[in-house]
Amino acid sequence: MPLLPPPPVAQAAPTAVPERPIATGTLLDRAINVPGIDWRVDGPGARAQRVRADTVPGHAAMRIAGTGAGTGAGEVRVAAPIARPVAAGTVLLVAVYARAPDLGLGRTVPVSIGAGPVAADAPADAIAPTQVKVGRDWKLWYAAGRTATDHPAGTAQVVVQLPGERRAVELGPVYVLDFGADADLSRLPGN
C-alpha cells in the first residue's frame, strides 16, 4: 500500500494581545504598583544601599539608615511610587517586608507605613498611616485604608517614615493592592 502524505497543517491566525493581563485569581491581580524595591530615600544624611535578602520575594532589599543625629521618628522618609490611578473611596492595602537586622532580641524600631500624594504641598490624604514596631526578623507589615480623594496615575506613593537614628532598617518588596470601593476593611490582613 502506498504511503499517503500527511494532511497539511492548518495554521491559526495570530491572536491579538489583550490590553489587560488575564486574571489569574491571585491577590497580585489587584496590584496597582510595580512590586519591588523601588524605594527613594529622603532625609538629612540618610543612606540607602541595596542588599541581598534571601527570604523575601525577589531576594533583594534596601538597607536604610540615618546619620545618628536624629532625635525622633519621621526624620527619614522612604517612598515607592504607585503607578496606576486611585479613585476616591477606594480601599487600598499596602504590604511591605521590613526588618531591623542589627537589633538585639526583643528590641524594635518604630516605623510608620502608609500612602499619600507625591507632592508635599498636595492636600493631605494619608491613606492608612499605621505604626508598627519592626524587629530583627523579616515580616510582612500591612496598612489598609480608604482614599479620600482621586489620585491620577503617578501622583500617589507608599510612604515609610523611619527614625533618624543610626539603626538601619531594611525594606523589601512593597505591594499596593486595590480592593475597590465596596471592600470591607475589617476583612483585610493586619499586623
N, C-alpha and C. Protein backbone atom coordinates (compact mmCIF):
# COMPACT_ATOMS: atom_id res chain seq x y z
N MET A 1 0.84 -1.17 0.00
CA MET A 1 0.00 0.00 0.00
C MET A 1 0.89 1.24 0.00
N PRO A 2 0.64 2.19 -0.89
CA PRO A 2 1.48 3.37 -0.96
C PRO A 2 1.24 4.28 0.25
N LEU A 3 2.31 4.92 0.68
CA LEU A 3 2.21 5.87 1.80
C LEU A 3 1.54 7.15 1.32
N LEU A 4 0.61 7.62 2.14
CA LEU A 4 -0.08 8.86 1.82
C LEU A 4 0.61 10.02 2.53
N PRO A 5 0.72 11.12 1.87
CA PRO A 5 1.33 12.26 2.56
C PRO A 5 0.40 12.74 3.68
N PRO A 6 1.00 13.25 4.76
CA PRO A 6 0.15 13.72 5.86
C PRO A 6 -0.67 14.94 5.41
N PRO A 7 -1.83 15.13 6.07
CA PRO A 7 -2.64 16.29 5.69
C PRO A 7 -1.89 17.58 6.01
N PRO A 8 -2.18 18.65 5.28
CA PRO A 8 -1.48 19.90 5.56
C PRO A 8 -1.81 20.41 6.97
N VAL A 9 -0.82 21.04 7.60
CA VAL A 9 -1.01 21.58 8.94
C VAL A 9 -1.67 22.94 8.81
N ALA A 10 -2.81 23.07 9.48
CA ALA A 10 -3.53 24.34 9.44
C ALA A 10 -2.91 25.28 10.46
N GLN A 11 -2.62 26.46 10.04
CA GLN A 11 -2.04 27.44 10.95
C GLN A 11 -3.14 28.40 11.38
N ALA A 12 -3.20 28.59 12.69
CA ALA A 12 -4.19 29.51 13.23
C ALA A 12 -3.74 30.94 12.98
N ALA A 13 -4.73 31.78 12.79
CA ALA A 13 -4.42 33.21 12.63
C ALA A 13 -3.89 33.75 13.95
N PRO A 14 -2.91 34.65 13.92
CA PRO A 14 -2.40 35.20 15.18
C PRO A 14 -3.50 35.93 15.93
N THR A 15 -3.48 35.77 17.25
CA THR A 15 -4.49 36.44 18.07
C THR A 15 -3.92 37.73 18.61
N ALA A 16 -4.82 38.67 18.85
CA ALA A 16 -4.40 39.97 19.39
C ALA A 16 -4.04 39.81 20.87
N VAL A 17 -3.06 40.57 21.31
CA VAL A 17 -2.66 40.57 22.71
C VAL A 17 -3.68 41.41 23.48
N PRO A 18 -4.26 40.85 24.56
CA PRO A 18 -5.24 41.64 25.30
C PRO A 18 -4.59 42.86 25.92
N GLU A 19 -5.39 43.94 26.04
CA GLU A 19 -4.86 45.17 26.63
C GLU A 19 -4.54 44.99 28.10
N ARG A 20 -5.35 44.23 28.81
CA ARG A 20 -5.13 43.97 30.23
C ARG A 20 -4.73 42.52 30.39
N PRO A 21 -3.86 42.22 31.34
CA PRO A 21 -3.49 40.83 31.54
C PRO A 21 -4.71 40.01 31.98
N ILE A 22 -4.70 38.76 31.62
CA ILE A 22 -5.78 37.86 32.02
C ILE A 22 -5.65 37.59 33.51
N ALA A 23 -6.75 37.70 34.24
CA ALA A 23 -6.72 37.49 35.69
C ALA A 23 -6.35 36.05 36.01
N THR A 24 -5.48 35.88 36.96
CA THR A 24 -5.06 34.55 37.37
C THR A 24 -5.72 34.14 38.66
N GLY A 25 -6.48 35.03 39.27
CA GLY A 25 -7.15 34.69 40.50
C GLY A 25 -6.30 34.85 41.75
N THR A 26 -5.20 35.59 41.67
CA THR A 26 -4.36 35.80 42.83
C THR A 26 -4.51 37.24 43.32
N LEU A 27 -4.06 37.47 44.53
CA LEU A 27 -4.09 38.83 45.08
C LEU A 27 -3.28 39.79 44.24
N LEU A 28 -2.21 39.32 43.63
CA LEU A 28 -1.36 40.22 42.84
C LEU A 28 -2.09 40.78 41.62
N ASP A 29 -3.23 40.20 41.25
CA ASP A 29 -4.03 40.77 40.17
C ASP A 29 -4.56 42.14 40.57
N ARG A 30 -4.59 42.43 41.86
CA ARG A 30 -5.08 43.71 42.37
C ARG A 30 -3.97 44.75 42.53
N ALA A 31 -2.73 44.39 42.21
CA ALA A 31 -1.60 45.30 42.41
C ALA A 31 -1.72 46.51 41.50
N ILE A 32 -1.52 47.72 42.09
CA ILE A 32 -1.54 48.95 41.30
C ILE A 32 -0.17 49.63 41.31
N ASN A 33 0.83 48.91 41.82
CA ASN A 33 2.20 49.38 41.74
C ASN A 33 3.02 48.28 41.08
N VAL A 34 4.26 48.56 40.81
CA VAL A 34 5.17 47.53 40.33
C VAL A 34 5.85 46.97 41.58
N PRO A 35 5.43 45.77 42.03
CA PRO A 35 6.01 45.24 43.27
C PRO A 35 7.53 45.14 43.15
N GLY A 36 8.21 45.58 44.18
CA GLY A 36 9.67 45.55 44.16
C GLY A 36 10.24 46.49 45.20
N ILE A 37 11.50 46.86 44.99
CA ILE A 37 12.20 47.71 45.96
C ILE A 37 12.60 49.05 45.36
N ASP A 38 11.69 49.65 44.63
CA ASP A 38 11.94 50.95 44.02
C ASP A 38 11.77 52.05 45.07
N TRP A 39 12.56 51.97 46.14
CA TRP A 39 12.47 52.91 47.25
C TRP A 39 13.33 54.13 46.98
N ARG A 40 12.79 55.33 47.27
CA ARG A 40 13.54 56.58 47.22
C ARG A 40 13.64 57.12 48.63
N VAL A 41 14.83 57.53 49.02
CA VAL A 41 15.10 57.94 50.41
C VAL A 41 15.30 59.43 50.47
N ASP A 42 14.67 60.06 51.49
CA ASP A 42 14.79 61.49 51.69
C ASP A 42 14.94 61.75 53.19
N GLY A 43 15.93 62.51 53.54
CA GLY A 43 16.15 62.86 54.94
C GLY A 43 17.59 63.30 55.12
N PRO A 44 17.85 64.14 56.12
CA PRO A 44 19.20 64.63 56.31
C PRO A 44 20.17 63.49 56.63
N GLY A 45 21.13 63.30 55.77
CA GLY A 45 22.16 62.29 56.00
C GLY A 45 21.70 60.86 55.82
N ALA A 46 20.50 60.63 55.30
CA ALA A 46 20.01 59.26 55.12
C ALA A 46 20.81 58.56 54.03
N ARG A 47 21.07 57.30 54.26
CA ARG A 47 21.83 56.49 53.31
C ARG A 47 21.02 55.26 52.93
N ALA A 48 21.11 54.84 51.67
CA ALA A 48 20.42 53.64 51.21
C ALA A 48 21.40 52.79 50.42
N GLN A 49 21.29 51.48 50.63
CA GLN A 49 22.17 50.54 49.94
C GLN A 49 21.38 49.27 49.64
N ARG A 50 21.50 48.79 48.42
CA ARG A 50 20.84 47.54 48.03
C ARG A 50 21.58 46.37 48.69
N VAL A 51 20.82 45.44 49.30
CA VAL A 51 21.41 44.28 49.96
C VAL A 51 20.68 43.01 49.54
N ARG A 52 21.33 41.90 49.71
CA ARG A 52 20.72 40.60 49.41
C ARG A 52 19.79 40.22 50.57
N ALA A 53 18.62 39.67 50.23
CA ALA A 53 17.64 39.25 51.24
C ALA A 53 17.03 37.93 50.78
N ASP A 54 17.67 36.84 51.14
CA ASP A 54 17.29 35.52 50.62
C ASP A 54 15.87 35.09 50.94
N THR A 55 15.29 35.57 52.01
CA THR A 55 13.98 35.06 52.43
C THR A 55 12.79 35.92 52.02
N VAL A 56 12.99 36.94 51.21
CA VAL A 56 11.87 37.74 50.71
C VAL A 56 11.76 37.56 49.19
N PRO A 57 10.56 37.75 48.63
CA PRO A 57 10.42 37.64 47.17
C PRO A 57 11.39 38.59 46.46
N GLY A 58 12.04 38.10 45.44
CA GLY A 58 13.00 38.91 44.69
C GLY A 58 14.41 38.88 45.26
N HIS A 59 14.56 38.39 46.49
CA HIS A 59 15.87 38.22 47.14
C HIS A 59 16.69 39.49 47.24
N ALA A 60 16.02 40.65 47.32
CA ALA A 60 16.74 41.91 47.45
C ALA A 60 15.96 42.85 48.36
N ALA A 61 16.70 43.77 48.99
CA ALA A 61 16.09 44.77 49.87
C ALA A 61 16.95 46.03 49.83
N MET A 62 16.43 47.10 50.41
CA MET A 62 17.20 48.34 50.57
C MET A 62 17.48 48.51 52.06
N ARG A 63 18.75 48.72 52.39
CA ARG A 63 19.16 48.99 53.77
C ARG A 63 19.22 50.51 53.92
N ILE A 64 18.44 51.04 54.86
CA ILE A 64 18.31 52.49 55.02
C ILE A 64 18.69 52.87 56.44
N ALA A 65 19.54 53.89 56.57
CA ALA A 65 19.97 54.34 57.90
C ALA A 65 20.11 55.85 57.89
N GLY A 66 19.90 56.43 59.08
CA GLY A 66 20.11 57.87 59.27
C GLY A 66 21.55 58.13 59.66
N THR A 67 21.83 59.33 60.07
CA THR A 67 23.19 59.72 60.42
C THR A 67 23.53 59.47 61.88
N GLY A 68 22.52 59.24 62.69
CA GLY A 68 22.76 59.09 64.12
C GLY A 68 22.49 60.37 64.87
N ALA A 69 22.22 61.46 64.13
CA ALA A 69 21.97 62.74 64.78
C ALA A 69 20.50 62.95 65.11
N GLY A 70 19.64 62.03 64.65
CA GLY A 70 18.21 62.20 64.84
C GLY A 70 17.78 62.05 66.28
N THR A 71 16.66 62.65 66.59
CA THR A 71 16.14 62.56 67.96
C THR A 71 14.76 61.95 68.01
N GLY A 72 14.18 61.60 66.88
CA GLY A 72 12.84 61.04 66.92
C GLY A 72 12.42 60.47 65.60
N ALA A 73 11.20 59.95 65.56
CA ALA A 73 10.67 59.31 64.36
C ALA A 73 10.36 60.34 63.28
N GLY A 74 10.28 59.87 62.05
CA GLY A 74 9.87 60.71 60.95
C GLY A 74 10.97 61.51 60.31
N GLU A 75 12.21 61.28 60.67
CA GLU A 75 13.29 62.07 60.09
C GLU A 75 13.82 61.52 58.79
N VAL A 76 13.55 60.24 58.50
CA VAL A 76 13.93 59.66 57.23
C VAL A 76 12.64 59.19 56.57
N ARG A 77 12.41 59.70 55.36
CA ARG A 77 11.19 59.36 54.62
C ARG A 77 11.60 58.52 53.42
N VAL A 78 10.96 57.36 53.30
CA VAL A 78 11.25 56.45 52.20
C VAL A 78 9.95 56.27 51.42
N ALA A 79 10.02 56.39 50.09
CA ALA A 79 8.80 56.36 49.29
C ALA A 79 8.98 55.44 48.08
N ALA A 80 7.87 54.83 47.67
CA ALA A 80 7.83 53.99 46.46
C ALA A 80 6.60 54.41 45.66
N PRO A 81 6.74 54.54 44.34
CA PRO A 81 5.63 55.05 43.52
C PRO A 81 4.47 54.07 43.38
N ILE A 82 3.27 54.63 43.24
CA ILE A 82 2.08 53.87 42.87
C ILE A 82 1.76 54.28 41.44
N ALA A 83 1.90 53.37 40.50
CA ALA A 83 1.84 53.69 39.08
C ALA A 83 0.44 54.02 38.57
N ARG A 84 -0.57 53.32 39.05
CA ARG A 84 -1.91 53.46 38.49
C ARG A 84 -2.72 54.52 39.24
N PRO A 85 -3.80 54.99 38.61
CA PRO A 85 -4.66 55.96 39.30
C PRO A 85 -5.43 55.29 40.44
N VAL A 86 -5.81 56.10 41.42
CA VAL A 86 -6.60 55.62 42.55
C VAL A 86 -7.80 56.55 42.69
N ALA A 87 -9.00 55.99 42.66
CA ALA A 87 -10.22 56.79 42.78
C ALA A 87 -10.56 57.03 44.25
N ALA A 88 -11.22 58.14 44.52
CA ALA A 88 -11.68 58.44 45.88
C ALA A 88 -12.59 57.31 46.35
N GLY A 89 -12.45 56.93 47.61
CA GLY A 89 -13.27 55.88 48.19
C GLY A 89 -12.74 54.47 47.98
N THR A 90 -11.60 54.34 47.31
CA THR A 90 -11.01 53.03 47.07
C THR A 90 -10.32 52.51 48.32
N VAL A 91 -10.51 51.23 48.59
CA VAL A 91 -9.81 50.59 49.71
C VAL A 91 -8.48 50.06 49.19
N LEU A 92 -7.39 50.52 49.82
CA LEU A 92 -6.05 50.07 49.47
C LEU A 92 -5.46 49.26 50.61
N LEU A 93 -4.68 48.25 50.24
CA LEU A 93 -3.88 47.50 51.20
C LEU A 93 -2.43 47.65 50.79
N VAL A 94 -1.62 48.19 51.69
CA VAL A 94 -0.18 48.31 51.47
C VAL A 94 0.49 47.20 52.27
N ALA A 95 1.37 46.45 51.62
CA ALA A 95 2.10 45.37 52.30
C ALA A 95 3.59 45.58 52.04
N VAL A 96 4.38 45.63 53.10
CA VAL A 96 5.82 45.92 53.00
C VAL A 96 6.60 44.91 53.84
N TYR A 97 7.60 44.29 53.23
CA TYR A 97 8.53 43.46 54.01
C TYR A 97 9.53 44.40 54.68
N ALA A 98 9.76 44.19 55.98
CA ALA A 98 10.70 45.06 56.70
C ALA A 98 11.33 44.30 57.85
N ARG A 99 12.54 44.74 58.22
CA ARG A 99 13.23 44.23 59.40
C ARG A 99 14.30 45.23 59.81
N ALA A 100 14.75 45.10 61.06
CA ALA A 100 15.87 45.91 61.59
C ALA A 100 16.91 44.90 62.07
N PRO A 101 17.77 44.44 61.16
CA PRO A 101 18.63 43.28 61.44
C PRO A 101 19.69 43.48 62.51
N ASP A 102 20.04 44.71 62.83
CA ASP A 102 21.12 44.94 63.78
C ASP A 102 20.65 45.00 65.23
N LEU A 103 19.36 44.87 65.46
CA LEU A 103 18.83 44.95 66.81
C LEU A 103 19.04 43.65 67.57
N GLY A 104 19.08 43.77 68.90
CA GLY A 104 19.12 42.59 69.74
C GLY A 104 17.74 41.97 69.83
N LEU A 105 17.67 40.76 70.36
CA LEU A 105 16.40 40.08 70.53
C LEU A 105 15.45 40.91 71.37
N GLY A 106 14.20 40.98 70.94
CA GLY A 106 13.19 41.70 71.70
C GLY A 106 13.17 43.20 71.50
N ARG A 107 14.14 43.76 70.80
CA ARG A 107 14.17 45.20 70.55
C ARG A 107 13.50 45.50 69.22
N THR A 108 12.91 46.69 69.11
CA THR A 108 12.20 47.07 67.88
C THR A 108 12.48 48.52 67.52
N VAL A 109 12.14 48.87 66.28
CA VAL A 109 12.26 50.24 65.78
C VAL A 109 10.86 50.68 65.35
N PRO A 110 10.38 51.88 65.80
CA PRO A 110 9.06 52.35 65.37
C PRO A 110 9.10 52.84 63.92
N VAL A 111 8.14 52.38 63.13
CA VAL A 111 8.07 52.72 61.72
C VAL A 111 6.61 53.04 61.40
N SER A 112 6.37 54.02 60.54
CA SER A 112 5.02 54.33 60.08
C SER A 112 4.92 53.96 58.61
N ILE A 113 3.86 53.21 58.26
CA ILE A 113 3.64 52.78 56.88
C ILE A 113 2.30 53.34 56.42
N GLY A 114 2.26 53.90 55.22
CA GLY A 114 1.01 54.42 54.67
C GLY A 114 1.19 54.79 53.22
N ALA A 115 0.26 55.57 52.70
CA ALA A 115 0.36 56.05 51.32
C ALA A 115 -0.20 57.46 51.28
N GLY A 116 0.18 58.20 50.25
CA GLY A 116 -0.29 59.57 50.13
C GLY A 116 0.16 60.19 48.84
N PRO A 117 -0.10 61.48 48.68
CA PRO A 117 0.26 62.17 47.43
C PRO A 117 1.77 62.34 47.30
N VAL A 118 2.23 62.43 46.06
CA VAL A 118 3.66 62.63 45.79
C VAL A 118 4.08 64.04 46.17
N ALA A 119 3.29 65.04 45.80
CA ALA A 119 3.65 66.43 46.06
C ALA A 119 3.48 66.76 47.54
N ALA A 120 4.49 67.36 48.13
CA ALA A 120 4.44 67.70 49.55
C ALA A 120 3.37 68.75 49.84
N ASP A 121 3.05 69.61 48.85
CA ASP A 121 2.07 70.66 49.08
C ASP A 121 0.66 70.26 48.66
N ALA A 122 0.46 68.98 48.29
CA ALA A 122 -0.87 68.50 47.89
C ALA A 122 -1.77 68.38 49.12
N PRO A 123 -3.08 68.44 48.92
CA PRO A 123 -3.98 68.26 50.06
C PRO A 123 -3.72 66.92 50.74
N ALA A 124 -3.76 66.91 52.04
CA ALA A 124 -3.46 65.70 52.79
C ALA A 124 -4.49 64.62 52.50
N ASP A 125 -4.03 63.45 52.20
CA ASP A 125 -4.87 62.27 52.04
C ASP A 125 -4.04 61.08 52.47
N ALA A 126 -3.65 61.09 53.72
CA ALA A 126 -2.84 59.99 54.23
C ALA A 126 -3.70 58.74 54.24
N ILE A 127 -3.31 57.77 53.48
CA ILE A 127 -4.05 56.52 53.38
C ILE A 127 -3.48 55.55 54.40
N ALA A 128 -4.22 55.32 55.44
CA ALA A 128 -3.90 54.30 56.42
C ALA A 128 -2.54 54.41 57.06
N PRO A 129 -2.14 55.56 57.61
CA PRO A 129 -0.86 55.57 58.30
C PRO A 129 -0.94 54.61 59.49
N THR A 130 -0.05 53.66 59.53
CA THR A 130 -0.07 52.61 60.54
C THR A 130 1.29 52.55 61.23
N GLN A 131 1.28 52.58 62.54
CA GLN A 131 2.52 52.46 63.31
C GLN A 131 2.81 50.98 63.57
N VAL A 132 4.04 50.56 63.30
CA VAL A 132 4.46 49.18 63.58
C VAL A 132 5.80 49.23 64.29
N LYS A 133 6.15 48.14 64.93
CA LYS A 133 7.44 48.03 65.62
C LYS A 133 8.23 46.91 64.96
N VAL A 134 9.17 47.29 64.11
CA VAL A 134 9.94 46.35 63.31
C VAL A 134 11.05 45.73 64.16
N GLY A 135 11.15 44.41 64.12
CA GLY A 135 12.18 43.67 64.84
C GLY A 135 13.27 43.18 63.91
N ARG A 136 14.09 42.27 64.41
CA ARG A 136 15.26 41.84 63.63
C ARG A 136 14.98 40.82 62.55
N ASP A 137 13.79 40.21 62.54
CA ASP A 137 13.45 39.22 61.52
C ASP A 137 12.51 39.80 60.48
N TRP A 138 12.59 39.28 59.26
CA TRP A 138 11.70 39.73 58.19
C TRP A 138 10.26 39.44 58.55
N LYS A 139 9.40 40.40 58.29
CA LYS A 139 7.96 40.25 58.49
C LYS A 139 7.26 41.09 57.44
N LEU A 140 6.10 40.63 57.00
CA LEU A 140 5.28 41.38 56.07
C LEU A 140 4.32 42.22 56.89
N TRP A 141 4.46 43.55 56.80
CA TRP A 141 3.65 44.50 57.56
C TRP A 141 2.57 45.08 56.66
N TYR A 142 1.40 45.37 57.25
CA TYR A 142 0.25 45.83 56.49
C TYR A 142 -0.25 47.19 56.97
N ALA A 143 -0.80 47.96 56.03
CA ALA A 143 -1.56 49.18 56.33
C ALA A 143 -2.72 49.20 55.34
N ALA A 144 -3.93 49.44 55.84
CA ALA A 144 -5.11 49.44 54.97
C ALA A 144 -5.95 50.66 55.27
N GLY A 145 -6.59 51.20 54.25
CA GLY A 145 -7.46 52.35 54.43
C GLY A 145 -8.20 52.71 53.16
N ARG A 146 -9.07 53.70 53.28
CA ARG A 146 -9.90 54.16 52.17
C ARG A 146 -9.42 55.56 51.76
N THR A 147 -9.22 55.78 50.47
CA THR A 147 -8.76 57.07 49.99
C THR A 147 -9.88 58.11 50.09
N ALA A 148 -9.50 59.35 50.35
CA ALA A 148 -10.48 60.43 50.46
C ALA A 148 -10.65 61.20 49.16
N THR A 149 -9.60 61.21 48.32
CA THR A 149 -9.65 61.96 47.07
C THR A 149 -9.12 61.12 45.92
N ASP A 150 -9.35 61.59 44.69
CA ASP A 150 -8.79 60.93 43.50
C ASP A 150 -7.30 61.21 43.41
N HIS A 151 -6.56 60.23 42.93
CA HIS A 151 -5.12 60.38 42.66
C HIS A 151 -4.87 59.91 41.24
N PRO A 152 -4.60 60.82 40.30
CA PRO A 152 -4.28 60.39 38.93
C PRO A 152 -3.03 59.49 38.93
N ALA A 153 -2.82 58.79 37.85
CA ALA A 153 -1.68 57.88 37.71
C ALA A 153 -0.37 58.61 38.04
N GLY A 154 0.45 58.00 38.85
CA GLY A 154 1.76 58.55 39.19
C GLY A 154 1.77 59.64 40.23
N THR A 155 0.63 59.95 40.85
CA THR A 155 0.61 61.04 41.84
C THR A 155 0.50 60.55 43.28
N ALA A 156 0.45 59.23 43.48
CA ALA A 156 0.40 58.68 44.84
C ALA A 156 1.62 57.79 45.05
N GLN A 157 1.95 57.58 46.31
CA GLN A 157 3.11 56.76 46.64
C GLN A 157 2.93 56.12 48.01
N VAL A 158 3.66 55.03 48.23
CA VAL A 158 3.76 54.44 49.56
C VAL A 158 4.79 55.24 50.31
N VAL A 159 4.52 55.53 51.58
CA VAL A 159 5.45 56.32 52.39
C VAL A 159 5.76 55.55 53.67
N VAL A 160 7.05 55.38 53.95
CA VAL A 160 7.50 54.77 55.19
C VAL A 160 8.34 55.80 55.92
N GLN A 161 7.99 56.10 57.16
CA GLN A 161 8.75 57.04 57.99
C GLN A 161 9.60 56.23 58.96
N LEU A 162 10.90 56.53 59.00
CA LEU A 162 11.83 55.83 59.87
C LEU A 162 12.43 56.82 60.86
N PRO A 163 12.87 56.32 62.02
CA PRO A 163 13.57 57.21 62.93
C PRO A 163 14.89 57.66 62.29
N GLY A 164 15.37 58.81 62.67
CA GLY A 164 16.61 59.33 62.08
C GLY A 164 17.86 58.78 62.73
N GLU A 165 17.69 57.84 63.65
CA GLU A 165 18.86 57.31 64.34
C GLU A 165 19.68 56.41 63.43
N ARG A 166 20.85 56.04 63.90
CA ARG A 166 21.79 55.25 63.12
C ARG A 166 21.30 53.82 62.87
N ARG A 167 20.34 53.33 63.65
CA ARG A 167 19.86 51.95 63.47
C ARG A 167 19.31 51.77 62.06
N ALA A 168 19.78 50.76 61.38
CA ALA A 168 19.35 50.51 60.00
C ALA A 168 18.06 49.71 59.97
N VAL A 169 17.23 50.03 58.98
CA VAL A 169 16.04 49.25 58.68
C VAL A 169 16.17 48.80 57.24
N GLU A 170 15.83 47.55 57.00
CA GLU A 170 15.82 47.03 55.64
C GLU A 170 14.39 46.89 55.17
N LEU A 171 14.12 47.44 53.98
CA LEU A 171 12.80 47.36 53.37
C LEU A 171 12.89 46.47 52.14
N GLY A 172 12.06 45.45 52.11
CA GLY A 172 11.99 44.55 50.97
C GLY A 172 10.91 45.01 50.02
N PRO A 173 10.35 44.08 49.26
CA PRO A 173 9.33 44.44 48.29
C PRO A 173 8.11 45.08 48.93
N VAL A 174 7.48 45.99 48.19
CA VAL A 174 6.24 46.65 48.62
C VAL A 174 5.16 46.31 47.59
N TYR A 175 3.97 46.05 48.10
CA TYR A 175 2.81 45.74 47.26
C TYR A 175 1.68 46.69 47.64
N VAL A 176 1.00 47.24 46.63
CA VAL A 176 -0.18 48.08 46.87
C VAL A 176 -1.32 47.42 46.11
N LEU A 177 -2.34 46.98 46.86
CA LEU A 177 -3.45 46.25 46.27
C LEU A 177 -4.73 47.08 46.35
N ASP A 178 -5.45 47.14 45.23
CA ASP A 178 -6.70 47.90 45.11
C ASP A 178 -7.86 46.93 45.29
N PHE A 179 -8.67 47.13 46.34
CA PHE A 179 -9.81 46.27 46.62
C PHE A 179 -11.13 46.93 46.23
N GLY A 180 -11.08 48.08 45.57
CA GLY A 180 -12.29 48.74 45.12
C GLY A 180 -13.02 49.47 46.23
N ALA A 181 -14.17 50.02 45.90
CA ALA A 181 -14.91 50.85 46.85
C ALA A 181 -15.78 50.05 47.81
N ASP A 182 -16.10 48.81 47.47
CA ASP A 182 -17.03 48.03 48.29
C ASP A 182 -16.35 47.10 49.28
N ALA A 183 -15.04 47.10 49.36
CA ALA A 183 -14.33 46.17 50.25
C ALA A 183 -14.57 46.50 51.71
N ASP A 184 -14.58 45.46 52.52
CA ASP A 184 -14.73 45.58 53.96
C ASP A 184 -13.34 45.62 54.58
N LEU A 185 -12.96 46.77 55.13
CA LEU A 185 -11.62 46.94 55.71
C LEU A 185 -11.35 45.90 56.81
N SER A 186 -12.36 45.50 57.54
CA SER A 186 -12.14 44.57 58.64
C SER A 186 -11.75 43.18 58.17
N ARG A 187 -11.94 42.89 56.89
CA ARG A 187 -11.58 41.56 56.36
C ARG A 187 -10.18 41.50 55.78
N LEU A 188 -9.49 42.65 55.73
CA LEU A 188 -8.12 42.66 55.19
C LEU A 188 -7.12 42.28 56.26
N PRO A 189 -5.96 41.75 55.87
CA PRO A 189 -4.98 41.34 56.88
C PRO A 189 -4.46 42.52 57.69
N GLY A 190 -4.06 42.24 58.90
CA GLY A 190 -3.49 43.25 59.79
C GLY A 190 -2.21 42.74 60.40
N ASN A 191 -1.63 43.53 61.27
CA ASN A 191 -0.34 43.18 61.86
C ASN A 191 -0.50 42.39 63.14
